């Protein structure tokens, strides 16, 4: 498996691109009952600069 995140700047770019192309999937993760999925969706939205539902 290739490591594509070397620092927080790269994760921010990844999160922005992921949210732009897979918004419905990220929203699904954020609204999940599974705490790990919810955390992942929330972190992606946060690093993408999107308002997070708390």
C-alpha atoms as a PDB file:
ATOM      1  CA  UNK A   1       0.000   0.000   0.000  1.00  0.00           C
ATOM      2  CA  UNK A   2       1.379   3.366  -1.000  1.00  0.00           C
ATOM      3  CA  UNK A   3       1.564   6.124   1.607  1.00  0.00           C
ATOM      4  CA  UNK A   4       0.082   9.195  -0.057  1.00  0.00           C
ATOM      5  CA  UNK A   5      -0.035  11.507   2.977  1.00  0.00           C
ATOM      6  CA  UNK A   6       3.324  12.809   4.103  1.00  0.00           C
ATOM      7  CA  UNK A   7       2.097  15.761   6.134  1.00  0.00           C
ATOM      8  CA  UNK A   8      -1.058  17.649   7.039  1.00  0.00           C
ATOM      9  CA  UNK A   9      -0.872  19.786   3.865  1.00  0.00           C
ATOM     10  CA  UNK A  10      -1.189  16.694   1.706  1.00  0.00           C
ATOM     11  CA  UNK A  11      -4.075  15.379   3.812  1.00  0.00           C
ATOM     12  CA  UNK A  12      -5.830  18.707   3.409  1.00  0.00           C
ATOM     13  CA  UNK A  13      -5.499  18.429  -0.378  1.00  0.00           C
ATOM     14  CA  UNK A  14      -6.666  14.819  -0.256  1.00  0.00           C
ATOM     15  CA  UNK A  15      -9.653  15.751   1.922  1.00  0.00           C
ATOM     16  CA  UNK A  16     -10.619  18.634  -0.355  1.00  0.00           C
ATOM     17  CA  UNK A  17     -10.442  16.448  -3.454  1.00  0.00           C
ATOM     18  CA  UNK A  18     -12.282  13.576  -1.764  1.00  0.00           C
ATOM     19  CA  UNK A  19     -15.095  15.819  -0.569  1.00  0.00           C
ATOM     20  CA  UNK A  20     -15.401  17.479  -3.967  1.00  0.00           C
ATOM     21  CA  UNK A  21     -15.700  14.172  -5.815  1.00  0.00           C
ATOM     22  CA  UNK A  22     -17.456  12.033  -3.195  1.00  0.00           C
ATOM     23  CA  UNK A  23     -19.609  14.448  -1.211  1.00  0.00           C
ATOM     24  CA  UNK A  24     -22.466  11.976  -0.697  1.00  0.00           C
ATOM     25  CA  UNK A  25     -20.105   9.292   0.619  1.00  0.00           C
ATOM     26  CA  UNK A  26     -18.442  11.693   3.065  1.00  0.00           C
ATOM     27  CA  UNK A  27     -21.853  12.936   4.249  1.00  0.00           C
ATOM     28  CA  UNK A  28     -22.922   9.314   4.717  1.00  0.00           C
ATOM     29  CA  UNK A  29     -19.836   8.648   6.835  1.00  0.00           C
ATOM     30  CA  UNK A  30     -20.421  11.757   8.936  1.00  0.00           C
ATOM     31  CA  UNK A  31     -24.033  10.718   9.641  1.00  0.00           C
ATOM     32  CA  UNK A  32     -23.170   7.074  10.382  1.00  0.00           C
ATOM     33  CA  UNK A  33     -23.911   5.493  13.753  1.00  0.00           C
ATOM     34  CA  UNK A  34     -20.487   3.822  13.711  1.00  0.00           C
ATOM     35  CA  UNK A  35     -18.117   6.101  15.681  1.00  0.00           C
ATOM     36  CA  UNK A  36     -15.130   5.345  13.397  1.00  0.00           C
ATOM     37  CA  UNK A  37     -17.056   6.170  10.230  1.00  0.00           C
ATOM     38  CA  UNK A  38     -18.485   9.315  11.828  1.00  0.00           C
ATOM     39  CA  UNK A  39     -14.994  10.441  12.878  1.00  0.00           C
ATOM     40  CA  UNK A  40     -13.581   9.810   9.403  1.00  0.00           C
ATOM     41  CA  UNK A  41     -16.351  11.770   7.704  1.00  0.00           C
ATOM     42  CA  UNK A  42     -15.976  14.618  10.187  1.00  0.00           C
ATOM     43  CA  UNK A  43     -12.189  14.788   9.774  1.00  0.00           C
ATOM     44  CA  UNK A  44     -12.406  14.783   5.978  1.00  0.00           C
ATOM     45  CA  UNK A  45     -14.935  17.625   6.047  1.00  0.00           C
ATOM     46  CA  UNK A  46     -12.895  19.576   8.604  1.00  0.00           C
ATOM     47  CA  UNK A  47      -9.680  19.363   6.579  1.00  0.00           C
ATOM     48  CA  UNK A  48     -11.593  20.159   3.379  1.00  0.00           C
ATOM     49  CA  UNK A  49     -12.762  23.410   4.980  1.00  0.00           C
ATOM     50  CA  UNK A  50     -16.423  22.437   5.099  1.00  0.00           C
ATOM     51  CA  UNK A  51     -18.700  23.267   8.033  1.00  0.00           C
ATOM     52  CA  UNK A  52     -19.020  20.222  10.279  1.00  0.00           C
ATOM     53  CA  UNK A  53     -22.297  19.176  11.931  1.00  0.00           C
ATOM     54  CA  UNK A  54     -21.561  18.645  15.620  1.00  0.00           C
END
